[in-house]
Amino acid sequence: MPGIKKYPAWEELTFANNFLFCKIMEENPEICRRLLEILLHIKIEKLSPPKSEWAMQESVGSKGVRFDVYTRDDNRIFDIEIQTTINANLSRRARYYQSMIDTDSLARGEKCSRLKDSYVIFLCLSDPFDERLPVYFFENTCRFGRKRNLGDGSYKVFFNASEYAKMETVEEQNFFKFLSEQNADGDFAKTIEEKVSFARKNMDWRKNYMTWQQTIDEEKDIAFEEGVRQGLEQGMEQGIYKKSVEDAKAMLADGMDVNLVAKYTGLPIETIESIGEIPY
């Protein structure tokens, strides 16, 4: 079974907590808009209402995703992820998130030229790539010649809060200092600090936090049980195959015809003919 889950108490939550981050960003579109402007050094005239914990799935049989904060303006789509821990799958996760954004952004029959620019943004408390850079900004470029930019409008940006002092602007420095140390300098960081203080007094949010914990636990348990089931099924399949190969070897050693071996073991003739190369 999965290990014992432990979540911080409601009174201990900071803006770096996934639940509180998502709720504040969703309830305060102006904070979301201003944060994107600060992070990406762009101007946003009007932003659609941010959606927190936004679930998206291409089909019933495909893997779904849950975006922390999902929003867009007229020409761009933004996914903002708060990342308190770093794992080896972060880069591929960003790739999958971007593919889901593209799939969702076009209606059936629409031309690819109508794809909006998309930004998958990770706000990391620690260094995701151990290069001690404050920001890692990725876009598709050619490896040869003049390293031409592909110009496909897809961007993956990883911020490293632990190096906030190296950020390009004072507003970035203040924001990431607050994110990592809960020490607010500057108007924008102080505005978020006020929202966090106000949120801790919101009893409805507190109840939602408890429900959120239960939902996350249930999803983890389901994923764990599914992994165990798949592992058992795979192990059984491998065991059956290994036994079939061993039986085929014995039959061939007794001089049995290849076609009869295939009939009794269920193995393809090609496999039986190459049985001496199989390491069992």
C-alpha atoms as a PDB file:
ATOM      1  CA  MET A   1       0.000   0.000   0.000  1.00  0.00           C
ATOM      2  CA  PRO A   2       1.114   3.628  -0.474  1.00  0.00           C
ATOM      3  CA  GLY A   3       2.916   5.281   2.428  1.00  0.00           C
ATOM      4  CA  ILE A   4       1.232   7.472   5.029  1.00  0.00           C
ATOM      5  CA  LYS A   5       0.287  10.851   3.546  1.00  0.00           C
ATOM      6  CA  LYS A   6       1.028  14.027   5.469  1.00  0.00           C
ATOM      7  CA  TYR A   7      -0.148  17.456   4.409  1.00  0.00           C
ATOM      8  CA  PRO A   8       0.629  20.790   6.073  1.00  0.00           C
ATOM      9  CA  ALA A   9      -1.999  22.212   8.378  1.00  0.00           C
ATOM     10  CA  TRP A  10      -4.261  24.881   6.888  1.00  0.00           C
ATOM     11  CA  GLU A  11      -2.668  27.583   9.057  1.00  0.00           C
ATOM     12  CA  GLU A  12       0.797  26.643   7.716  1.00  0.00           C
ATOM     13  CA  LEU A  13      -0.013  26.947   4.014  1.00  0.00           C
ATOM     14  CA  THR A  14       2.026  29.355   1.917  1.00  0.00           C
ATOM     15  CA  PHE A  15       1.599  30.602  -1.639  1.00  0.00           C
ATOM     16  CA  ALA A  16       3.897  27.746  -2.735  1.00  0.00           C
ATOM     17  CA  ASN A  17       1.260  25.230  -1.665  1.00  0.00           C
ATOM     18  CA  ASN A  18      -0.509  23.798  -4.709  1.00  0.00           C
ATOM     19  CA  PHE A  19      -4.040  24.204  -3.336  1.00  0.00           C
ATOM     20  CA  LEU A  20      -3.606  27.778  -2.107  1.00  0.00           C
ATOM     21  CA  PHE A  21      -1.680  28.850  -5.199  1.00  0.00           C
ATOM     22  CA  CYS A  22      -4.422  27.556  -7.507  1.00  0.00           C
ATOM     23  CA  LYS A  23      -7.285  29.054  -5.496  1.00  0.00           C
ATOM     24  CA  ILE A  24      -5.720  32.508  -5.226  1.00  0.00           C
ATOM     25  CA  MET A  25      -4.822  32.604  -8.916  1.00  0.00           C
ATOM     26  CA  GLU A  26      -8.314  31.509  -9.945  1.00  0.00           C
ATOM     27  CA  GLU A  27     -10.090  33.951  -7.657  1.00  0.00           C
ATOM     28  CA  ASN A  28      -7.813  36.861  -8.583  1.00  0.00           C
ATOM     29  CA  PRO A  29      -7.446  37.074 -12.388  1.00  0.00           C
ATOM     30  CA  GLU A  30      -5.573  40.374 -12.108  1.00  0.00           C
ATOM     31  CA  ILE A  31      -2.851  38.708 -10.022  1.00  0.00           C
ATOM     32  CA  CYS A  32      -2.613  35.925 -12.584  1.00  0.00           C
ATOM     33  CA  ARG A  33      -2.393  38.426 -15.441  1.00  0.00           C
ATOM     34  CA  ARG A  34       0.269  40.517 -13.715  1.00  0.00           C
ATOM     35  CA  LEU A  35       2.312  37.435 -12.768  1.00  0.00           C
ATOM     36  CA  LEU A  36       2.426  36.293 -16.393  1.00  0.00           C
ATOM     37  CA  GLU A  37       3.545  39.749 -17.481  1.00  0.00           C
ATOM     38  CA  ILE A  38       6.339  39.709 -14.903  1.00  0.00           C
ATOM     39  CA  LEU A  39       7.482  36.175 -15.706  1.00  0.00           C
ATOM     40  CA  LEU A  40       7.438  36.401 -19.491  1.00  0.00           C
ATOM     41  CA  HIS A  41       8.178  40.128 -19.958  1.00  0.00           C
ATOM     42  CA  ILE A  42       5.096  40.566 -22.103  1.00  0.00           C
ATOM     43  CA  LYS A  43       2.002  42.760 -22.100  1.00  0.00           C
ATOM     44  CA  ILE A  44      -1.420  41.162 -21.680  1.00  0.00           C
ATOM     45  CA  GLU A  45      -4.422  43.378 -22.358  1.00  0.00           C
ATOM     46  CA  LYS A  46      -7.115  40.914 -21.362  1.00  0.00           C
ATOM     47  CA  LEU A  47      -6.867  37.434 -19.863  1.00  0.00           C
ATOM     48  CA  SER A  48      -9.611  34.828 -19.798  1.00  0.00           C
ATOM     49  CA  PRO A  49     -10.725  33.721 -16.296  1.00  0.00           C
ATOM     50  CA  PRO A  50      -8.008  31.389 -14.950  1.00  0.00           C
ATOM     51  CA  LYS A  51      -9.077  27.791 -14.338  1.00  0.00           C
ATOM     52  CA  SER A  52      -7.425  25.955 -11.474  1.00  0.00           C
ATOM     53  CA  GLU A  53      -6.911  22.183 -11.315  1.00  0.00           C
ATOM     54  CA  TRP A  54      -8.174  22.111 -14.906  1.00  0.00           C
ATOM     55  CA  ALA A  55      -8.510  18.515 -16.103  1.00  0.00           C
ATOM     56  CA  MET A  56      -8.054  17.606 -19.749  1.00  0.00           C
ATOM     57  CA  GLN A  57      -8.177  14.214 -21.493  1.00  0.00           C
ATOM     58  CA  GLU A  58      -7.968  13.569 -25.233  1.00  0.00           C
ATOM     59  CA  SER A  59      -9.909  10.291 -25.165  1.00  0.00           C
ATOM     60  CA  VAL A  60     -11.229   7.719 -22.699  1.00  0.00           C
ATOM     61  CA  GLY A  61      -8.202   5.481 -23.129  1.00  0.00           C
ATOM     62  CA  SER A  62      -5.535   8.205 -23.052  1.00  0.00           C
ATOM     63  CA  LYS A  63      -3.687   9.653 -20.083  1.00  0.00           C
ATOM     64  CA  GLY A  64      -5.300  12.818 -18.785  1.00  0.00           C
ATOM     65  CA  VAL A  65      -3.605  15.867 -17.281  1.00  0.00           C
ATOM     66  CA  ARG A  66      -4.547  18.307 -14.559  1.00  0.00           C
ATOM     67  CA  PHE A  67      -3.200  21.819 -15.093  1.00  0.00           C
ATOM     68  CA  ASP A  68      -2.583  23.879 -11.956  1.00  0.00           C
ATOM     69  CA  VAL A  69      -3.623  27.176 -13.580  1.00  0.00           C
ATOM     70  CA  TYR A  70      -4.843  27.318 -17.190  1.00  0.00           C
ATOM     71  CA  THR A  71      -5.699  30.532 -18.989  1.00  0.00           C
ATOM     72  CA  ARG A  72      -5.349  32.383 -22.317  1.00  0.00           C
ATOM     73  CA  ASP A  73      -5.497  35.715 -24.062  1.00  0.00           C
ATOM     74  CA  ASP A  74      -6.369  36.374 -27.708  1.00  0.00           C
ATOM     75  CA  ASN A  75      -3.197  34.822 -29.136  1.00  0.00           C
ATOM     76  CA  ARG A  76      -1.602  32.734 -26.376  1.00  0.00           C
ATOM     77  CA  ILE A  77      -2.343  29.889 -23.987  1.00  0.00           C
ATOM     78  CA  PHE A  78      -0.686  29.654 -20.571  1.00  0.00           C
ATOM     79  CA  ASP A  79      -0.281  26.785 -18.131  1.00  0.00           C
ATOM     80  CA  ILE A  80       1.320  27.701 -14.799  1.00  0.00           C
ATOM     81  CA  GLU A  81       2.525  24.858 -12.565  1.00  0.00           C
ATOM     82  CA  ILE A  82       3.743  25.258  -8.993  1.00  0.00           C
ATOM     83  CA  GLN A  83       6.520  22.686  -8.427  1.00  0.00           C
ATOM     84  CA  THR A  84       7.732  22.115  -4.875  1.00  0.00           C
ATOM     85  CA  THR A  85       9.724  18.953  -5.696  1.00  0.00           C
ATOM     86  CA  ILE A  86      11.836  18.022  -8.708  1.00  0.00           C
ATOM     87  CA  ASN A  87      11.765  14.649 -10.443  1.00  0.00           C
ATOM     88  CA  ALA A  88      13.341  13.159 -13.547  1.00  0.00           C
ATOM     89  CA  ASN A  89      10.053  13.266 -15.495  1.00  0.00           C
ATOM     90  CA  LEU A  90       9.605  17.034 -15.352  1.00  0.00           C
ATOM     91  CA  SER A  91      10.798  17.664 -18.912  1.00  0.00           C
ATOM     92  CA  ARG A  92       8.601  14.959 -20.451  1.00  0.00           C
ATOM     93  CA  ARG A  93       5.689  16.096 -18.344  1.00  0.00           C
ATOM     94  CA  ALA A  94       6.090  19.573 -19.847  1.00  0.00           C
ATOM     95  CA  ARG A  95       6.158  18.013 -23.312  1.00  0.00           C
ATOM     96  CA  TYR A  96       2.940  16.077 -22.669  1.00  0.00           C
ATOM     97  CA  TYR A  97       1.187  19.105 -21.208  1.00  0.00           C
ATOM     98  CA  GLN A  98       2.030  21.110 -24.297  1.00  0.00           C
ATOM     99  CA  SER A  99       0.734  18.382 -26.607  1.00  0.00           C
ATOM    100  CA  MET A 100      -2.566  18.339 -24.706  1.00  0.00           C
ATOM    101  CA  ILE A 101      -2.843  22.114 -24.978  1.00  0.00           C
ATOM    102  CA  ASP A 102      -2.386  21.915 -28.757  1.00  0.00           C
ATOM    103  CA  THR A 103      -4.918  19.106 -29.099  1.00  0.00           C
ATOM    104  CA  ASP A 104      -7.504  21.040 -27.108  1.00  0.00           C
ATOM    105  CA  SER A 105      -6.933  24.394 -28.798  1.00  0.00           C
ATOM    106  CA  LEU A 106      -7.999  23.336 -32.311  1.00  0.00           C
ATOM    107  CA  ALA A 107     -11.538  22.351 -33.233  1.00  0.00           C
ATOM    108  CA  ARG A 108     -12.042  19.451 -35.646  1.00  0.00           C
ATOM    109  CA  GLY A 109     -11.206  20.530 -39.191  1.00  0.00           C
ATOM    110  CA  GLU A 110      -9.334  23.691 -38.185  1.00  0.00           C
ATOM    111  CA  LYS A 111      -5.983  24.388 -39.812  1.00  0.00           C
ATOM    112  CA  CYS A 112      -2.750  24.100 -37.824  1.00  0.00           C
ATOM    113  CA  SER A 113      -2.038  27.725 -38.704  1.00  0.00           C
ATOM    114  CA  ARG A 114      -4.686  28.643 -36.120  1.00  0.00           C
ATOM    115  CA  LEU A 115      -2.686  27.120 -33.270  1.00  0.00           C
ATOM    116  CA  LYS A 116      -2.050  29.683 -30.568  1.00  0.00           C
ATOM    117  CA  ASP A 117       1.363  30.188 -29.009  1.00  0.00           C
ATOM    118  CA  SER A 118       1.552  28.126 -25.835  1.00  0.00           C
ATOM    119  CA  TYR A 119       3.610  28.492 -22.675  1.00  0.00           C
ATOM    120  CA  VAL A 120       4.078  25.720 -20.121  1.00  0.00           C
ATOM    121  CA  ILE A 121       5.546  27.432 -17.058  1.00  0.00           C
ATOM    122  CA  PHE A 122       6.975  25.668 -14.008  1.00  0.00           C
ATOM    123  CA  LEU A 123       7.607  27.669 -10.854  1.00  0.00           C
ATOM    124  CA  CYS A 124      10.195  25.484  -9.109  1.00  0.00           C
ATOM    125  CA  LEU A 125      11.364  26.029  -5.546  1.00  0.00           C
ATOM    126  CA  SER A 126      14.674  24.299  -6.324  1.00  0.00           C
ATOM    127  CA  ASP A 127      16.908  24.034  -9.385  1.00  0.00           C
ATOM    128  CA  PRO A 128      15.319  21.680 -11.954  1.00  0.00           C
ATOM    129  CA  PHE A 129      18.503  21.219 -14.010  1.00  0.00           C
ATOM    130  CA  ASP A 130      21.320  21.901 -11.517  1.00  0.00           C
ATOM    131  CA  GLU A 131      22.885  24.652 -13.629  1.00  0.00           C
ATOM    132  CA  ARG A 132      22.280  27.387 -11.032  1.00  0.00           C
ATOM    133  CA  LEU A 133      20.382  29.490 -13.543  1.00  0.00           C
ATOM    134  CA  PRO A 134      17.374  31.528 -12.419  1.00  0.00           C
ATOM    135  CA  VAL A 135      15.390  30.732 -15.584  1.00  0.00           C
ATOM    136  CA  TYR A 136      15.517  27.970 -18.199  1.00  0.00           C
ATOM    137  CA  PHE A 137      13.666  29.024 -21.346  1.00  0.00           C
ATOM    138  CA  PHE A 138      13.222  26.369 -24.048  1.00  0.00           C
ATOM    139  CA  GLU A 139      12.030  26.686 -27.625  1.00  0.00           C
ATOM    140  CA  ASN A 140      12.603  24.480 -30.661  1.00  0.00           C
ATOM    141  CA  THR A 141      15.707  25.329 -32.671  1.00  0.00           C
ATOM    142  CA  CYS A 142      17.778  23.574 -35.346  1.00  0.00           C
ATOM    143  CA  ARG A 143      21.008  22.029 -34.089  1.00  0.00           C
ATOM    144  CA  PHE A 144      22.900  22.783 -37.294  1.00  0.00           C
ATOM    145  CA  GLY A 145      23.783  25.821 -39.396  1.00  0.00           C
ATOM    146  CA  ARG A 146      22.732  29.046 -37.731  1.00  0.00           C
ATOM    147  CA  LYS A 147      20.529  27.173 -35.252  1.00  0.00           C
ATOM    148  CA  ARG A 148      17.385  28.513 -36.860  1.00  0.00           C
ATOM    149  CA  ASN A 149      14.354  28.900 -34.606  1.00  0.00           C
ATOM    150  CA  LEU A 150      11.514  26.615 -35.689  1.00  0.00           C
ATOM    151  CA  GLY A 151       8.967  29.321 -34.901  1.00  0.00           C
ATOM    152  CA  ASP A 152       6.252  26.879 -33.837  1.00  0.00           C
ATOM    153  CA  GLY A 153       5.115  29.067 -30.952  1.00  0.00           C
ATOM    154  CA  SER A 154       5.687  26.453 -28.232  1.00  0.00           C
ATOM    155  CA  TYR A 155       7.669  27.443 -25.149  1.00  0.00           C
ATOM    156  CA  LYS A 156       8.618  25.656 -21.936  1.00  0.00           C
ATOM    157  CA  VAL A 157       9.883  27.851 -19.116  1.00  0.00           C
ATOM    158  CA  PHE A 158      11.298  26.648 -15.800  1.00  0.00           C
ATOM    159  CA  PHE A 159      11.926  29.193 -13.041  1.00  0.00           C
ATOM    160  CA  ASN A 160      14.349  28.409 -10.230  1.00  0.00           C
ATOM    161  CA  ALA A 161      13.206  30.269  -7.103  1.00  0.00           C
ATOM    162  CA  SER A 162      16.382  29.347  -5.209  1.00  0.00           C
ATOM    163  CA  GLU A 163      18.309  31.733  -7.501  1.00  0.00           C
ATOM    164  CA  TYR A 164      15.864  34.623  -7.212  1.00  0.00           C
ATOM    165  CA  ALA A 165      18.682  37.128  -6.682  1.00  0.00           C
ATOM    166  CA  LYS A 166      19.803  36.498 -10.285  1.00  0.00           C
ATOM    167  CA  MET A 167      16.393  37.208 -11.801  1.00  0.00           C
ATOM    168  CA  GLU A 168      16.327  39.881 -14.513  1.00  0.00           C
ATOM    169  CA  THR A 169      13.902  42.345 -12.913  1.00  0.00           C
ATOM    170  CA  VAL A 170      13.271  43.500  -9.366  1.00  0.00           C
ATOM    171  CA  GLU A 171       9.647  42.334  -9.568  1.00  0.00           C
ATOM    172  CA  GLU A 172      10.800  38.816 -10.479  1.00  0.00           C
ATOM    173  CA  GLN A 173      13.284  38.851  -7.623  1.00  0.00           C
ATOM    174  CA  ASN A 174      10.639  40.007  -5.151  1.00  0.00           C
ATOM    175  CA  PHE A 175       8.096  37.447  -6.303  1.00  0.00           C
ATOM    176  CA  PHE A 176      10.413  34.452  -6.119  1.00  0.00           C
ATOM    177  CA  LYS A 177      11.888  35.622  -2.834  1.00  0.00           C
ATOM    178  CA  PHE A 178       8.363  35.636  -1.436  1.00  0.00           C
ATOM    179  CA  LEU A 179       7.605  32.255  -3.018  1.00  0.00           C
ATOM    180  CA  SER A 180      10.633  30.595  -1.433  1.00  0.00           C
ATOM    181  CA  GLU A 181      11.008  32.539   1.831  1.00  0.00           C
ATOM    182  CA  GLN A 182       7.550  34.092   2.491  1.00  0.00           C
ATOM    183  CA  ASN A 183       9.256  37.467   2.812  1.00  0.00           C
ATOM    184  CA  ALA A 184       7.322  40.050   0.799  1.00  0.00           C
ATOM    185  CA  ASP A 185       9.079  43.028  -0.774  1.00  0.00           C
ATOM    186  CA  GLY A 186       7.464  45.247  -3.393  1.00  0.00           C
ATOM    187  CA  ASP A 187       3.816  45.979  -4.131  1.00  0.00           C
ATOM    188  CA  PHE A 188       3.042  42.812  -6.090  1.00  0.00           C
ATOM    189  CA  ALA A 189       4.506  40.383  -3.549  1.00  0.00           C
ATOM    190  CA  LYS A 190       2.793  42.252  -0.711  1.00  0.00           C
ATOM    191  CA  THR A 191      -0.540  42.023  -2.553  1.00  0.00           C
ATOM    192  CA  ILE A 192      -0.165  38.238  -2.764  1.00  0.00           C
ATOM    193  CA  GLU A 193       0.856  38.114   0.898  1.00  0.00           C
ATOM    194  CA  GLU A 194      -2.399  39.880   1.792  1.00  0.00           C
ATOM    195  CA  LYS A 195      -4.367  37.370  -0.289  1.00  0.00           C
ATOM    196  CA  VAL A 196      -2.677  34.485   1.526  1.00  0.00           C
ATOM    197  CA  SER A 197      -3.506  36.008   4.931  1.00  0.00           C
ATOM    198  CA  PHE A 198      -7.104  36.544   3.862  1.00  0.00           C
ATOM    199  CA  ALA A 199      -7.349  32.985   2.490  1.00  0.00           C
ATOM    200  CA  ARG A 200      -6.355  31.465   5.831  1.00  0.00           C
ATOM    201  CA  LYS A 201      -9.516  33.026   7.293  1.00  0.00           C
ATOM    202  CA  ASN A 202     -11.748  31.562   4.579  1.00  0.00           C
ATOM    203  CA  MET A 203     -13.570  28.625   6.176  1.00  0.00           C
ATOM    204  CA  ASP A 204     -15.036  27.466   2.866  1.00  0.00           C
ATOM    205  CA  TRP A 205     -11.564  27.179   1.403  1.00  0.00           C
ATOM    206  CA  ARG A 206     -10.424  25.339   4.510  1.00  0.00           C
ATOM    207  CA  LYS A 207     -13.155  22.742   4.000  1.00  0.00           C
ATOM    208  CA  ASN A 208     -12.275  22.525   0.310  1.00  0.00           C
ATOM    209  CA  TYR A 209      -8.656  21.905   1.294  1.00  0.00           C
ATOM    210  CA  MET A 210      -9.693  18.851   3.314  1.00  0.00           C
ATOM    211  CA  THR A 211     -11.721  17.549   0.367  1.00  0.00           C
ATOM    212  CA  TRP A 212      -8.804  18.244  -1.968  1.00  0.00           C
ATOM    213  CA  GLN A 213      -6.506  16.166   0.253  1.00  0.00           C
ATOM    214  CA  GLN A 214      -8.933  13.246   0.150  1.00  0.00           C
ATOM    215  CA  THR A 215      -9.281  13.494  -3.636  1.00  0.00           C
ATOM    216  CA  ILE A 216      -5.504  13.507  -4.158  1.00  0.00           C
ATOM    217  CA  ASP A 217      -5.134  10.527  -1.809  1.00  0.00           C
ATOM    218  CA  GLU A 218      -7.798   8.579  -3.663  1.00  0.00           C
ATOM    219  CA  GLU A 219      -6.188   9.322  -7.043  1.00  0.00           C
ATOM    220  CA  LYS A 220      -2.794   8.182  -5.730  1.00  0.00           C
ATOM    221  CA  ASP A 221      -4.307   4.981  -4.313  1.00  0.00           C
ATOM    222  CA  ILE A 222      -6.055   4.210  -7.601  1.00  0.00           C
ATOM    223  CA  ALA A 223      -2.824   4.810  -9.544  1.00  0.00           C
ATOM    224  CA  PHE A 224      -0.904   2.591  -7.113  1.00  0.00           C
ATOM    225  CA  GLU A 225      -3.425  -0.242  -7.345  1.00  0.00           C
ATOM    226  CA  GLU A 226      -3.507   0.009 -11.142  1.00  0.00           C
ATOM    227  CA  GLY A 227       0.290  -0.168 -11.228  1.00  0.00           C
ATOM    228  CA  VAL A 228       0.269  -3.268  -9.043  1.00  0.00           C
ATOM    229  CA  ARG A 229      -2.378  -4.897 -11.232  1.00  0.00           C
ATOM    230  CA  GLN A 230      -0.477  -4.163 -14.432  1.00  0.00           C
ATOM    231  CA  GLY A 231       2.722  -5.452 -12.858  1.00  0.00           C
ATOM    232  CA  LEU A 232       1.057  -8.719 -11.866  1.00  0.00           C
ATOM    233  CA  GLU A 233      -0.459  -9.159 -15.316  1.00  0.00           C
ATOM    234  CA  GLN A 234       2.862  -8.463 -16.987  1.00  0.00           C
ATOM    235  CA  GLY A 235       4.606 -10.906 -14.670  1.00  0.00           C
ATOM    236  CA  MET A 236       2.062 -13.605 -15.452  1.00  0.00           C
ATOM    237  CA  GLU A 237       2.439 -13.029 -19.192  1.00  0.00           C
ATOM    238  CA  GLN A 238       6.213 -13.237 -18.941  1.00  0.00           C
ATOM    239  CA  GLY A 239       5.958 -16.410 -16.865  1.00  0.00           C
ATOM    240  CA  ILE A 240       3.614 -18.070 -19.358  1.00  0.00           C
ATOM    241  CA  TYR A 241       5.868 -17.105 -22.268  1.00  0.00           C
ATOM    242  CA  LYS A 242       8.965 -18.423 -20.494  1.00  0.00           C
ATOM    243  CA  LYS A 243       7.210 -21.740 -19.764  1.00  0.00           C
ATOM    244  CA  SER A 244       6.142 -22.029 -23.428  1.00  0.00           C
ATOM    245  CA  VAL A 245       9.713 -21.471 -24.585  1.00  0.00           C
ATOM    246  CA  GLU A 246      10.997 -24.114 -22.164  1.00  0.00           C
ATOM    247  CA  ASP A 247       8.383 -26.604 -23.404  1.00  0.00           C
ATOM    248  CA  ALA A 248       9.281 -25.836 -27.015  1.00  0.00           C
ATOM    249  CA  LYS A 249      12.957 -26.473 -26.329  1.00  0.00           C
ATOM    250  CA  ALA A 250      12.128 -29.854 -24.789  1.00  0.00           C
ATOM    251  CA  MET A 251       9.875 -30.812 -27.706  1.00  0.00           C
ATOM    252  CA  LEU A 252      12.507 -29.859 -30.263  1.00  0.00           C
ATOM    253  CA  ALA A 253      15.105 -31.855 -28.342  1.00  0.00           C
ATOM    254  CA  ASP A 254      12.813 -34.899 -28.678  1.00  0.00           C
ATOM    255  CA  GLY A 255      12.707 -34.355 -32.431  1.00  0.00           C
ATOM    256  CA  MET A 256       9.145 -33.040 -32.661  1.00  0.00           C
ATOM    257  CA  ASP A 257       8.195 -31.210 -35.864  1.00  0.00           C
ATOM    258  CA  VAL A 258       8.228 -27.402 -35.677  1.00  0.00           C
ATOM    259  CA  ASN A 259       4.564 -27.178 -36.732  1.00  0.00           C
ATOM    260  CA  LEU A 260       3.476 -29.510 -33.908  1.00  0.00           C
ATOM    261  CA  VAL A 261       5.548 -27.526 -31.402  1.00  0.00           C
ATOM    262  CA  ALA A 262       3.772 -24.373 -32.547  1.00  0.00           C
ATOM    263  CA  LYS A 263       0.397 -26.088 -32.184  1.00  0.00           C
ATOM    264  CA  TYR A 264       1.014 -27.298 -28.617  1.00  0.00           C
ATOM    265  CA  THR A 265       2.835 -24.252 -27.241  1.00  0.00           C
ATOM    266  CA  GLY A 266       1.004 -21.480 -29.073  1.00  0.00           C
ATOM    267  CA  LEU A 267       4.307 -19.877 -30.058  1.00  0.00           C
ATOM    268  CA  PRO A 268       4.828 -18.468 -33.576  1.00  0.00           C
ATOM    269  CA  ILE A 269       6.862 -20.670 -35.906  1.00  0.00           C
ATOM    270  CA  GLU A 270       9.395 -17.853 -36.306  1.00  0.00           C
ATOM    271  CA  THR A 271      10.001 -17.891 -32.551  1.00  0.00           C
ATOM    272  CA  ILE A 272      10.382 -21.670 -32.487  1.00  0.00           C
ATOM    273  CA  GLU A 273      12.833 -21.632 -35.389  1.00  0.00           C
ATOM    274  CA  SER A 274      15.027 -19.163 -33.493  1.00  0.00           C
ATOM    275  CA  ILE A 275      14.597 -20.947 -30.159  1.00  0.00           C
ATOM    276  CA  GLY A 276      18.311 -21.487 -29.722  1.00  0.00           C
ATOM    277  CA  GLU A 277      18.847 -17.719 -29.619  1.00  0.00           C
ATOM    278  CA  ILE A 278      16.330 -17.148 -26.810  1.00  0.00           C
ATOM    279  CA  PRO A 279      18.144 -16.884 -23.424  1.00  0.00           C
ATOM    280  CA  TYR A 280      15.888 -19.089 -21.298  1.00  0.00           C
END
